[in-house]
């Protein structure tokens, strides 16, 4: 798959993710998607920004991102697309 095709599919998956009711997605899956999205859309994974580490929500988000930092941006895009498509199919959207 060419990079352009992957980027187009990723953008479509992100747009389609907005169709999925947030309350229907378990919080752990939301964190996985967040981490994948951040990894896929970050220019440099060496520049992980540490927001207020005292904020529990940001700590969970940072942890989700760090758990996928070993993936390349393209690998993260592929996994993100796969999960969004599965969620859409499960919800008949």
PDB file of N, CA and C in Angstrom:
ATOM      1  N   UNK A   1       0.852  -1.175   0.000  1.00  0.00           N
ATOM      2  CA  UNK A   1       0.000   0.000   0.000  1.00  0.00           C
ATOM      3  C   UNK A   1       0.896   1.235   0.000  1.00  0.00           C
ATOM      4  N   UNK A   2       0.570   2.169  -0.859  1.00  0.00           N
ATOM      5  CA  UNK A   2       1.398   3.372  -0.913  1.00  0.00           C
ATOM      6  C   UNK A   2       1.111   4.251   0.298  1.00  0.00           C
ATOM      7  N   UNK A   3       2.066   5.116   0.608  1.00  0.00           N
ATOM      8  CA  UNK A   3       1.923   5.997   1.770  1.00  0.00           C
ATOM      9  C   UNK A   3       0.714   6.912   1.606  1.00  0.00           C
ATOM     10  N   UNK A   4       0.470   7.370   0.368  1.00  0.00           N
ATOM     11  CA  UNK A   4      -0.674   8.248   0.127  1.00  0.00           C
ATOM     12  C   UNK A   4      -1.975   7.505   0.423  1.00  0.00           C
ATOM     13  N   UNK A   5      -2.071   6.274  -0.032  1.00  0.00           N
ATOM     14  CA  UNK A   5      -3.264   5.482   0.230  1.00  0.00           C
ATOM     15  C   UNK A   5      -3.463   5.280   1.724  1.00  0.00           C
ATOM     16  N   UNK A   6      -2.393   4.977   2.436  1.00  0.00           N
ATOM     17  CA  UNK A   6      -2.473   4.764   3.870  1.00  0.00           C
ATOM     18  C   UNK A   6      -2.911   6.042   4.577  1.00  0.00           C
ATOM     19  N   UNK A   7      -2.359   7.170   4.166  1.00  0.00           N
ATOM     20  CA  UNK A   7      -2.748   8.443   4.768  1.00  0.00           C
ATOM     21  C   UNK A   7      -4.210   8.761   4.499  1.00  0.00           C
ATOM     22  N   UNK A   8      -4.683   8.465   3.304  1.00  0.00           N
ATOM     23  CA  UNK A   8      -6.085   8.685   2.964  1.00  0.00           C
ATOM     24  C   UNK A   8      -6.978   7.788   3.808  1.00  0.00           C
ATOM     25  N   UNK A   9      -6.616   6.520   3.927  1.00  0.00           N
ATOM     26  CA  UNK A   9      -7.397   5.592   4.742  1.00  0.00           C
ATOM     27  C   UNK A   9      -7.389   6.002   6.206  1.00  0.00           C
ATOM     28  N   UNK A  10      -6.270   6.489   6.685  1.00  0.00           N
ATOM     29  CA  UNK A  10      -6.163   6.944   8.067  1.00  0.00           C
ATOM     30  C   UNK A  10      -7.072   8.154   8.298  1.00  0.00           C
ATOM     31  N   UNK A  11      -7.030   9.103   7.375  1.00  0.00           N
ATOM     32  CA  UNK A  11      -7.891  10.285   7.496  1.00  0.00           C
ATOM     33  C   UNK A  11      -9.363   9.895   7.465  1.00  0.00           C
ATOM     34  N   UNK A  12      -9.706   8.937   6.611  1.00  0.00           N
ATOM     35  CA  UNK A  12     -11.092   8.460   6.541  1.00  0.00           C
ATOM     36  C   UNK A  12     -11.486   7.764   7.835  1.00  0.00           C
ATOM     37  N   UNK A  13     -10.585   6.966   8.379  1.00  0.00           N
ATOM     38  CA  UNK A  13     -10.873   6.264   9.637  1.00  0.00           C
ATOM     39  C   UNK A  13     -11.076   7.272  10.762  1.00  0.00           C
ATOM     40  N   UNK A  14     -10.257   8.322  10.790  1.00  0.00           N
ATOM     41  CA  UNK A  14     -10.411   9.348  11.819  1.00  0.00           C
ATOM     42  C   UNK A  14     -11.768  10.036  11.684  1.00  0.00           C
ATOM     43  N   UNK A  15     -12.156  10.354  10.464  1.00  0.00           N
ATOM     44  CA  UNK A  15     -13.466  10.985  10.234  1.00  0.00           C
ATOM     45  C   UNK A  15     -14.584  10.026  10.637  1.00  0.00           C
ATOM     46  N   UNK A  16     -14.445   8.756  10.296  1.00  0.00           N
ATOM     47  CA  UNK A  16     -15.464   7.759  10.637  1.00  0.00           C
ATOM     48  C   UNK A  16     -15.538   7.516  12.138  1.00  0.00           C
ATOM     49  N   UNK A  17     -14.429   7.707  12.833  1.00  0.00           N
ATOM     50  CA  UNK A  17     -14.417   7.516  14.287  1.00  0.00           C
ATOM     51  C   UNK A  17     -15.392   8.473  14.962  1.00  0.00           C
ATOM     52  N   UNK A  18     -15.617   9.623  14.350  1.00  0.00           N
ATOM     53  CA  UNK A  18     -16.539  10.602  14.921  1.00  0.00           C
ATOM     54  C   UNK A  18     -17.983  10.102  14.886  1.00  0.00           C
ATOM     55  N   UNK A  19     -18.266   9.096  14.063  1.00  0.00           N
ATOM     56  CA  UNK A  19     -19.610   8.530  13.965  1.00  0.00           C
ATOM     57  C   UNK A  19     -19.914   7.543  15.091  1.00  0.00           C
ATOM     58  N   UNK A  20     -18.871   7.079  15.748  1.00  0.00           N
ATOM     59  CA  UNK A  20     -19.024   6.077  16.803  1.00  0.00           C
ATOM     60  C   UNK A  20     -19.327   6.788  18.117  1.00  0.00           C
ATOM     61  N   UNK A  21     -20.465   6.476  18.747  1.00  0.00           N
ATOM     62  CA  UNK A  21     -20.761   7.110  20.035  1.00  0.00           C
ATOM     63  C   UNK A  21     -19.661   6.794  21.051  1.00  0.00           C
ATOM     64  N   UNK A  22     -19.081   7.825  21.620  1.00  0.00           N
ATOM     65  CA  UNK A  22     -17.948   7.653  22.529  1.00  0.00           C
ATOM     66  C   UNK A  22     -18.296   6.748  23.706  1.00  0.00           C
ATOM     67  N   UNK A  23     -19.511   6.874  24.212  1.00  0.00           N
ATOM     68  CA  UNK A  23     -19.904   6.064  25.370  1.00  0.00           C
ATOM     69  C   UNK A  23     -20.018   4.574  25.032  1.00  0.00           C
ATOM     70  N   UNK A  24     -20.032   4.235  23.743  1.00  0.00           N
ATOM     71  CA  UNK A  24     -20.123   2.828  23.363  1.00  0.00           C
ATOM     72  C   UNK A  24     -18.749   2.154  23.271  1.00  0.00           C
ATOM     73  N   UNK A  25     -17.699   2.946  23.414  1.00  0.00           N
ATOM     74  CA  UNK A  25     -16.335   2.414  23.326  1.00  0.00           C
ATOM     75  C   UNK A  25     -15.743   2.394  24.738  1.00  0.00           C
ATOM     76  N   UNK A  26     -15.321   1.219  25.200  1.00  0.00           N
ATOM     77  CA  UNK A  26     -14.724   1.144  26.542  1.00  0.00           C
ATOM     78  C   UNK A  26     -13.530   2.091  26.666  1.00  0.00           C
ATOM     79  N   UNK A  27     -13.331   2.603  27.869  1.00  0.00           N
ATOM     80  CA  UNK A  27     -12.264   3.582  28.074  1.00  0.00           C
ATOM     81  C   UNK A  27     -10.885   3.034  27.734  1.00  0.00           C
ATOM     82  N   UNK A  28     -10.650   1.745  27.996  1.00  0.00           N
ATOM     83  CA  UNK A  28      -9.335   1.203  27.656  1.00  0.00           C
ATOM     84  C   UNK A  28      -9.118   1.204  26.144  1.00  0.00           C
ATOM     85  N   UNK A  29     -10.192   0.964  25.372  1.00  0.00           N
ATOM     86  CA  UNK A  29     -10.081   1.007  23.911  1.00  0.00           C
ATOM     87  C   UNK A  29      -9.896   2.446  23.439  1.00  0.00           C
ATOM     88  N   UNK A  30     -10.550   3.402  24.111  1.00  0.00           N
ATOM     89  CA  UNK A  30     -10.360   4.810  23.772  1.00  0.00           C
ATOM     90  C   UNK A  30      -8.899   5.206  23.964  1.00  0.00           C
ATOM     91  N   UNK A  31      -8.287   4.699  25.027  1.00  0.00           N
ATOM     92  CA  UNK A  31      -6.875   5.003  25.275  1.00  0.00           C
ATOM     93  C   UNK A  31      -5.972   4.371  24.224  1.00  0.00           C
ATOM     94  N   UNK A  32      -6.292   3.159  23.809  1.00  0.00           N
ATOM     95  CA  UNK A  32      -5.506   2.508  22.750  1.00  0.00           C
ATOM     96  C   UNK A  32      -5.583   3.346  21.480  1.00  0.00           C
ATOM     97  N   UNK A  33      -6.798   3.753  21.126  1.00  0.00           N
ATOM     98  CA  UNK A  33      -6.974   4.568  19.926  1.00  0.00           C
ATOM     99  C   UNK A  33      -6.237   5.899  20.047  1.00  0.00           C
ATOM    100  N   UNK A  34      -6.282   6.498  21.218  1.00  0.00           N
ATOM    101  CA  UNK A  34      -5.563   7.749  21.442  1.00  0.00           C
ATOM    102  C   UNK A  34      -4.064   7.550  21.206  1.00  0.00           C
ATOM    103  N   UNK A  35      -3.512   6.498  21.811  1.00  0.00           N
ATOM    104  CA  UNK A  35      -2.084   6.233  21.656  1.00  0.00           C
ATOM    105  C   UNK A  35      -1.698   5.998  20.214  1.00  0.00           C
ATOM    106  N   UNK A  36      -2.506   5.216  19.513  1.00  0.00           N
ATOM    107  CA  UNK A  36      -2.229   4.943  18.099  1.00  0.00           C
ATOM    108  C   UNK A  36      -2.319   6.222  17.269  1.00  0.00           C
ATOM    109  N   UNK A  37      -3.340   7.021  17.542  1.00  0.00           N
ATOM    110  CA  UNK A  37      -3.494   8.268  16.791  1.00  0.00           C
ATOM    111  C   UNK A  37      -2.290   9.185  17.016  1.00  0.00           C
ATOM    112  N   UNK A  38      -1.890   9.343  18.279  1.00  0.00           N
ATOM    113  CA  UNK A  38      -0.745  10.197  18.580  1.00  0.00           C
ATOM    114  C   UNK A  38       0.520   9.683  17.898  1.00  0.00           C
ATOM    115  N   UNK A  39       0.720   8.361  17.941  1.00  0.00           N
ATOM    116  CA  UNK A  39       1.912   7.783  17.321  1.00  0.00           C
ATOM    117  C   UNK A  39       1.869   7.967  15.805  1.00  0.00           C
ATOM    118  N   UNK A  40       0.698   7.778  15.236  1.00  0.00           N
ATOM    119  CA  UNK A  40       0.546   7.883  13.785  1.00  0.00           C
ATOM    120  C   UNK A  40       0.699   9.315  13.288  1.00  0.00           C
ATOM    121  N   UNK A  41       0.297  10.270  14.104  1.00  0.00           N
ATOM    122  CA  UNK A  41       0.288  11.653  13.641  1.00  0.00           C
ATOM    123  C   UNK A  41       1.452  12.491  14.159  1.00  0.00           C
ATOM    124  N   UNK A  42       2.336  11.893  14.928  1.00  0.00           N
ATOM    125  CA  UNK A  42       3.472  12.639  15.470  1.00  0.00           C
ATOM    126  C   UNK A  42       4.621  12.646  14.485  1.00  0.00           C
ATOM    127  N   UNK A  43       5.221  13.796  14.365  1.00  0.00           N
ATOM    128  CA  UNK A  43       6.363  13.914  13.469  1.00  0.00           C
ATOM    129  C   UNK A  43       7.582  13.212  14.039  1.00  0.00           C
ATOM    130  N   UNK A  44       7.717  13.279  15.352  1.00  0.00           N
ATOM    131  CA  UNK A  44       8.873  12.665  15.999  1.00  0.00           C
ATOM    132  C   UNK A  44       8.436  12.042  17.309  1.00  0.00           C
ATOM    133  N   UNK A  45       8.654  10.751  17.432  1.00  0.00           N
ATOM    134  CA  UNK A  45       8.267  10.079  18.670  1.00  0.00           C
ATOM    135  C   UNK A  45       9.258  10.358  19.784  1.00  0.00           C
ATOM    136  N   UNK A  46      10.381  10.975  19.458  1.00  0.00           N
ATOM    137  CA  UNK A  46      11.338  11.303  20.509  1.00  0.00           C
ATOM    138  C   UNK A  46      10.931  12.563  21.264  1.00  0.00           C
ATOM    139  N   UNK A  47       9.893  13.243  20.765  1.00  0.00           N
ATOM    140  CA  UNK A  47       9.443  14.473  21.407  1.00  0.00           C
ATOM    141  C   UNK A  47       8.093  14.274  22.082  1.00  0.00           C
ATOM    142  N   UNK A  48       7.997  13.277  22.916  1.00  0.00           N
ATOM    143  CA  UNK A  48       6.761  13.068  23.660  1.00  0.00           C
ATOM    144  C   UNK A  48       6.669  14.176  24.691  1.00  0.00           C
ATOM    145  N   UNK A  49       5.608  14.951  24.600  1.00  0.00           N
ATOM    146  CA  UNK A  49       5.433  16.082  25.508  1.00  0.00           C
ATOM    147  C   UNK A  49       4.766  15.615  26.783  1.00  0.00           C
ATOM    148  N   UNK A  50       5.365  15.970  27.879  1.00  0.00           N
ATOM    149  CA  UNK A  50       4.813  15.621  29.181  1.00  0.00           C
ATOM    150  C   UNK A  50       3.963  16.787  29.675  1.00  0.00           C
ATOM    151  N   UNK A  51       2.664  16.602  29.575  1.00  0.00           N
ATOM    152  CA  UNK A  51       1.779  17.611  30.138  1.00  0.00           C
ATOM    153  C   UNK A  51       1.785  17.390  31.637  1.00  0.00           C
ATOM    154  N   UNK A  52       0.977  18.097  32.339  1.00  0.00           N
ATOM    155  CA  UNK A  52       0.952  18.014  33.788  1.00  0.00           C
ATOM    156  C   UNK A  52       0.868  16.561  34.258  1.00  0.00           C
ATOM    157  N   UNK A  53       1.994  16.000  34.748  1.00  0.00           N
ATOM    158  CA  UNK A  53       1.983  14.590  35.156  1.00  0.00           C
ATOM    159  C   UNK A  53       1.117  14.342  36.387  1.00  0.00           C
ATOM    160  N   UNK A  54       0.736  15.407  37.080  1.00  0.00           N
ATOM    161  CA  UNK A  54      -0.127  15.255  38.251  1.00  0.00           C
ATOM    162  C   UNK A  54      -1.572  15.026  37.834  1.00  0.00           C
ATOM    163  N   UNK A  55      -1.897  15.356  36.599  1.00  0.00           N
ATOM    164  CA  UNK A  55      -3.244  15.178  36.075  1.00  0.00           C
ATOM    165  C   UNK A  55      -3.403  13.712  35.664  1.00  0.00           C
ATOM    166  N   UNK A  56      -4.271  13.007  36.349  1.00  0.00           N
ATOM    167  CA  UNK A  56      -4.432  11.568  36.128  1.00  0.00           C
ATOM    168  C   UNK A  56      -4.841  11.254  34.691  1.00  0.00           C
ATOM    169  N   UNK A  57      -5.718  12.073  34.137  1.00  0.00           N
ATOM    170  CA  UNK A  57      -6.170  11.832  32.766  1.00  0.00           C
ATOM    171  C   UNK A  57      -5.001  11.902  31.790  1.00  0.00           C
ATOM    172  N   UNK A  58      -4.168  12.936  31.933  1.00  0.00           N
ATOM    173  CA  UNK A  58      -3.002  13.063  31.057  1.00  0.00           C
ATOM    174  C   UNK A  58      -2.008  11.942  31.282  1.00  0.00           C
ATOM    175  N   UNK A  59      -1.903  11.459  32.495  1.00  0.00           N
ATOM    176  CA  UNK A  59      -0.993  10.347  32.783  1.00  0.00           C
ATOM    177  C   UNK A  59      -1.443   9.087  32.047  1.00  0.00           C
ATOM    178  N   UNK A  60      -2.745   8.819  32.046  1.00  0.00           N
ATOM    179  CA  UNK A  60      -3.260   7.658  31.315  1.00  0.00           C
ATOM    180  C   UNK A  60      -3.044   7.820  29.815  1.00  0.00           C
ATOM    181  N   UNK A  61      -3.264   9.018  29.304  1.00  0.00           N
ATOM    182  CA  UNK A  61      -3.078   9.260  27.875  1.00  0.00           C
ATOM    183  C   UNK A  61      -1.611   9.093  27.487  1.00  0.00           C
ATOM    184  N   UNK A  62      -0.726   9.627  28.308  1.00  0.00           N
ATOM    185  CA  UNK A  62       0.703   9.498  28.038  1.00  0.00           C
ATOM    186  C   UNK A  62       1.116   8.026  28.071  1.00  0.00           C
ATOM    187  N   UNK A  63       0.609   7.294  29.037  1.00  0.00           N
ATOM    188  CA  UNK A  63       0.915   5.874  29.129  1.00  0.00           C
ATOM    189  C   UNK A  63       0.435   5.124  27.885  1.00  0.00           C
ATOM    190  N   UNK A  64      -0.763   5.459  27.407  1.00  0.00           N
ATOM    191  CA  UNK A  64      -1.295   4.810  26.202  1.00  0.00           C
ATOM    192  C   UNK A  64      -0.384   5.067  25.011  1.00  0.00           C
ATOM    193  N   UNK A  65       0.116   6.280  24.908  1.00  0.00           N
ATOM    194  CA  UNK A  65       1.009   6.619  23.806  1.00  0.00           C
ATOM    195  C   UNK A  65       2.339   5.896  23.951  1.00  0.00           C
ATOM    196  N   UNK A  66       2.877   5.871  25.146  1.00  0.00           N
ATOM    197  CA  UNK A  66       4.176   5.232  25.360  1.00  0.00           C
ATOM    198  C   UNK A  66       4.125   3.733  25.065  1.00  0.00           C
ATOM    199  N   UNK A  67       2.954   3.126  25.245  1.00  0.00           N
ATOM    200  CA  UNK A  67       2.833   1.691  24.992  1.00  0.00           C
ATOM    201  C   UNK A  67       2.887   1.347  23.506  1.00  0.00           C
ATOM    202  N   UNK A  68       2.694   2.322  22.639  1.00  0.00           N
ATOM    203  CA  UNK A  68       2.769   2.056  21.198  1.00  0.00           C
ATOM    204  C   UNK A  68       3.928   2.800  20.534  1.00  0.00           C
ATOM    205  N   UNK A  69       4.813   3.383  21.331  1.00  0.00           N
ATOM    206  CA  UNK A  69       5.907   4.175  20.755  1.00  0.00           C
ATOM    207  C   UNK A  69       6.888   3.334  19.938  1.00  0.00           C
ATOM    208  N   UNK A  70       6.846   2.018  20.118  1.00  0.00           N
ATOM    209  CA  UNK A  70       7.717   1.135  19.339  1.00  0.00           C
ATOM    210  C   UNK A  70       7.237   0.960  17.899  1.00  0.00           C
ATOM    211  N   UNK A  71       6.001   1.363  17.624  1.00  0.00           N
ATOM    212  CA  UNK A  71       5.443   1.239  16.278  1.00  0.00           C
ATOM    213  C   UNK A  71       5.892   2.408  15.407  1.00  0.00           C
ATOM    214  N   UNK A  72       6.041   2.138  14.123  1.00  0.00           N
ATOM    215  CA  UNK A  72       6.279   3.247  13.200  1.00  0.00           C
ATOM    216  C   UNK A  72       4.948   3.968  13.007  1.00  0.00           C
ATOM    217  N   UNK A  73       5.008   5.149  12.436  1.00  0.00           N
ATOM    218  CA  UNK A  73       3.781   5.903  12.174  1.00  0.00           C
ATOM    219  C   UNK A  73       2.852   5.097  11.262  1.00  0.00           C
ATOM    220  N   UNK A  74       3.411   4.436  10.257  1.00  0.00           N
ATOM    221  CA  UNK A  74       2.584   3.645   9.342  1.00  0.00           C
ATOM    222  C   UNK A  74       1.948   2.447  10.042  1.00  0.00           C
ATOM    223  N   UNK A  75       2.689   1.792  10.914  1.00  0.00           N
ATOM    224  CA  UNK A  75       2.127   0.668  11.668  1.00  0.00           C
ATOM    225  C   UNK A  75       0.992   1.135  12.577  1.00  0.00           C
ATOM    226  N   UNK A  76       1.179   2.287  13.203  1.00  0.00           N
ATOM    227  CA  UNK A  76       0.140   2.834  14.077  1.00  0.00           C
ATOM    228  C   UNK A  76      -1.100   3.195  13.259  1.00  0.00           C
ATOM    229  N   UNK A  77      -0.898   3.750  12.076  1.00  0.00           N
ATOM    230  CA  UNK A  77      -2.029   4.077  11.200  1.00  0.00           C
ATOM    231  C   UNK A  77      -2.802   2.815  10.825  1.00  0.00           C
ATOM    232  N   UNK A  78      -2.075   1.770  10.459  1.00  0.00           N
ATOM    233  CA  UNK A  78      -2.729   0.518  10.072  1.00  0.00           C
ATOM    234  C   UNK A  78      -3.550  -0.057  11.214  1.00  0.00           C
ATOM    235  N   UNK A  79      -2.996  -0.059  12.419  1.00  0.00           N
ATOM    236  CA  UNK A  79      -3.720  -0.586  13.579  1.00  0.00           C
ATOM    237  C   UNK A  79      -4.929   0.279  13.916  1.00  0.00           C
ATOM    238  N   UNK A  80      -4.775   1.591  13.815  1.00  0.00           N
ATOM    239  CA  UNK A  80      -5.874   2.512  14.074  1.00  0.00           C
ATOM    240  C   UNK A  80      -7.018   2.248  13.099  1.00  0.00           C
ATOM    241  N   UNK A  81      -6.691   2.149  11.820  1.00  0.00           N
ATOM    242  CA  UNK A  81      -7.691   1.882  10.780  1.00  0.00           C
ATOM    243  C   UNK A  81      -8.406   0.562  11.064  1.00  0.00           C
ATOM    244  N   UNK A  82      -7.647  -0.455  11.407  1.00  0.00           N
ATOM    245  CA  UNK A  82      -8.208  -1.777  11.692  1.00  0.00           C
ATOM    246  C   UNK A  82      -9.210  -1.723  12.853  1.00  0.00           C
ATOM    247  N   UNK A  83      -8.844  -1.047  13.925  1.00  0.00           N
ATOM    248  CA  UNK A  83      -9.726  -0.968  15.096  1.00  0.00           C
ATOM    249  C   UNK A  83     -10.977  -0.153  14.792  1.00  0.00           C
ATOM    250  N   UNK A  84     -10.819   0.983  14.127  1.00  0.00           N
ATOM    251  CA  UNK A  84     -11.984   1.816  13.800  1.00  0.00           C
ATOM    252  C   UNK A  84     -12.932   1.048  12.889  1.00  0.00           C
ATOM    253  N   UNK A  85     -12.398   0.375  11.888  1.00  0.00           N
ATOM    254  CA  UNK A  85     -13.256  -0.396  10.993  1.00  0.00           C
ATOM    255  C   UNK A  85     -13.994  -1.501  11.741  1.00  0.00           C
ATOM    256  N   UNK A  86     -13.334  -2.152  12.690  1.00  0.00           N
ATOM    257  CA  UNK A  86     -13.988  -3.192  13.488  1.00  0.00           C
ATOM    258  C   UNK A  86     -15.097  -2.600  14.353  1.00  0.00           C
ATOM    259  N   UNK A  87     -14.833  -1.448  14.959  1.00  0.00           N
ATOM    260  CA  UNK A  87     -15.853  -0.795  15.785  1.00  0.00           C
ATOM    261  C   UNK A  87     -17.056  -0.376  14.948  1.00  0.00           C
ATOM    262  N   UNK A  88     -16.803   0.137  13.756  1.00  0.00           N
ATOM    263  CA  UNK A  88     -17.887   0.530  12.866  1.00  0.00           C
ATOM    264  C   UNK A  88     -18.729  -0.690  12.475  1.00  0.00           C
ATOM    265  N   UNK A  89     -18.050  -1.778  12.169  1.00  0.00           N
ATOM    266  CA  UNK A  89     -18.759  -3.005  11.771  1.00  0.00           C
ATOM    267  C   UNK A  89     -19.588  -3.544  12.927  1.00  0.00           C
ATOM    268  N   UNK A  90     -19.017  -3.570  14.138  1.00  0.00           N
ATOM    269  CA  UNK A  90     -19.730  -4.056  15.321  1.00  0.00           C
ATOM    270  C   UNK A  90     -21.008  -3.244  15.589  1.00  0.00           C
ATOM    271  N   UNK A  91     -20.951  -1.967  15.261  1.00  0.00           N
ATOM    272  CA  UNK A  91     -22.075  -1.076  15.546  1.00  0.00           C
ATOM    273  C   UNK A  91     -22.963  -0.854  14.323  1.00  0.00           C
ATOM    274  N   UNK A  92     -22.687  -1.572  13.254  1.00  0.00           N
ATOM    275  CA  UNK A  92     -23.445  -1.458  12.003  1.00  0.00           C
ATOM    276  C   UNK A  92     -23.519  -0.014  11.492  1.00  0.00           C
ATOM    277  N   UNK A  93     -22.384   0.660  11.550  1.00  0.00           N
ATOM    278  CA  UNK A  93     -22.326   2.049  11.076  1.00  0.00           C
ATOM    279  C   UNK A  93     -21.659   2.111   9.712  1.00  0.00           C
TER     280      UNK A  93
END
